[in-house]
Protein backbone atom coordinates (compact mmCIF):
# COMPACT_ATOMS: atom_id res chain seq x y z
CA UNK A 1 84.22 154.28 126.37
CA UNK A 2 84.37 153.26 122.74
CA UNK A 3 87.54 152.88 120.70
CA UNK A 4 88.17 156.15 118.81
CA UNK A 5 91.02 154.68 116.75
CA UNK A 6 88.76 151.90 115.50
CA UNK A 7 86.08 154.47 114.69
CA UNK A 8 88.61 156.47 112.66
CA UNK A 9 89.66 153.33 110.76
CA UNK A 10 86.00 152.56 109.99
CA UNK A 11 85.39 156.12 108.72
CA UNK A 12 88.43 155.99 106.46
CA UNK A 13 87.49 152.53 105.17
CA UNK A 14 84.00 153.77 104.33
CA UNK A 15 85.46 156.73 102.43
CA UNK A 16 87.95 154.49 100.59
CA UNK A 17 85.10 152.19 99.56
CA UNK A 18 83.40 155.11 97.81
CA UNK A 19 80.66 155.70 100.36
CA UNK A 20 79.38 159.27 100.57
CA UNK A 21 78.29 159.16 104.21
CA UNK A 22 79.28 157.51 107.49
CA UNK A 23 77.07 157.41 110.58
CA UNK A 24 78.93 157.21 113.89
CA UNK A 25 77.47 154.66 116.31
CA UNK A 26 76.20 156.10 119.59
CA UNK A 27 78.76 156.21 122.36
CA UNK A 28 81.44 158.13 124.17
CA UNK A 29 84.81 158.22 122.41
CA UNK A 30 87.90 159.35 124.33
CA UNK A 31 90.28 161.18 122.01
CA UNK A 32 94.06 161.07 121.98
CA UNK A 33 95.98 163.39 124.28
CA UNK A 34 99.46 162.63 123.00
CA UNK A 35 99.66 165.57 120.57
CA UNK A 36 98.79 163.42 117.55
CA UNK A 37 95.28 163.93 116.13
CA UNK A 38 92.92 161.00 116.68
CA UNK A 39 91.12 161.96 113.48
CA UNK A 40 93.05 163.40 110.56
CA UNK A 41 90.96 164.00 107.47
CA UNK A 42 93.15 164.86 104.50
CA UNK A 43 92.22 165.43 100.83
CA UNK A 44 88.68 164.15 101.30
CA UNK A 45 85.92 165.25 98.94
CA UNK A 46 82.12 165.08 99.08
CA UNK A 47 81.83 163.08 102.29
CA UNK A 48 79.53 163.44 105.30
CA UNK A 49 80.16 162.17 108.84
CA UNK A 50 77.13 162.24 111.12
CA UNK A 51 76.49 161.47 114.75
CA UNK A 52 73.17 160.99 116.45
CA UNK A 53 71.89 162.36 119.75
CA UNK A 54 74.32 160.24 121.76
CA UNK A 55 77.74 160.69 120.15
CA UNK A 56 80.33 162.36 122.38
CA UNK A 57 84.01 163.03 121.76
CA UNK A 58 85.90 163.66 125.01
CA UNK A 59 89.39 165.12 125.21
CA UNK A 60 91.39 165.42 128.42
CA UNK A 61 93.59 168.36 127.51
CA UNK A 62 93.46 171.82 125.98
CA UNK A 63 93.73 172.91 123.22
CA UNK A 64 91.24 170.67 121.48
CA UNK A 65 93.55 169.35 118.77
CA UNK A 66 92.40 165.77 118.27
CA UNK A 67 90.58 166.49 115.01
CA UNK A 68 92.57 167.80 112.05
CA UNK A 69 91.09 168.67 108.65
CA UNK A 70 93.51 169.39 105.79
CA UNK A 71 92.77 170.18 102.12
CA UNK A 72 89.24 168.78 102.15
CA UNK A 73 86.39 169.84 99.88
CA UNK A 74 82.73 169.53 100.87
CA UNK A 75 83.47 167.53 104.04
CA UNK A 76 80.59 167.74 106.52
CA UNK A 77 80.87 166.71 110.17
CA UNK A 78 77.70 167.10 112.22
CA UNK A 79 75.82 165.78 115.23
CA UNK A 80 78.86 165.27 117.45
CA UNK A 81 79.17 166.74 120.92
CA UNK A 82 82.66 167.80 122.01
CA UNK A 83 83.64 167.81 125.67
CA UNK A 84 86.78 168.43 127.64
CA UNK A 85 87.56 166.73 130.97
CA UNK A 86 88.34 168.53 133.15
CA UNK A 87 86.69 171.73 131.86
CA UNK A 88 89.25 174.25 130.54
CA UNK A 89 88.18 176.84 133.09
CA UNK A 90 87.97 177.16 136.87
CA UNK A 91 84.81 176.09 138.66
CA UNK A 92 83.64 176.73 142.15
CA UNK A 93 80.80 177.70 144.43
CA UNK A 94 80.71 180.90 146.47
CA UNK A 95 79.61 179.87 149.93
CA UNK A 96 79.87 183.19 151.75
CA UNK A 97 80.65 186.87 151.21
CA UNK A 98 81.96 188.97 154.10
CA UNK A 99 80.64 192.44 153.29
CA UNK A 100 82.71 194.06 156.09
CA UNK A 101 85.96 192.74 154.65
CA UNK A 102 84.99 193.42 151.05
CA UNK A 103 87.08 196.24 149.61
């Protein structure tokens, strides 16, 4: 796992330096689950954040609230895969159906 807080600091530093785009390095980033957004983008303008084929953000709770965007204009975030562990739904395998008992 890569450090999501460090990634956020690098994104914000890039924006503060006047860059117009930030490319996220490949990796899996585990996001905060303490109710405080890992990424809070506020009052940003004309900035693009991109991820490649291997950028994953993983959160371990629902709802997915680790990314917060407030009062931004022309902020683009693309190429990031979001995942939740465990999945926010039940999973299982049906192994047998008893048609006699089915009602």
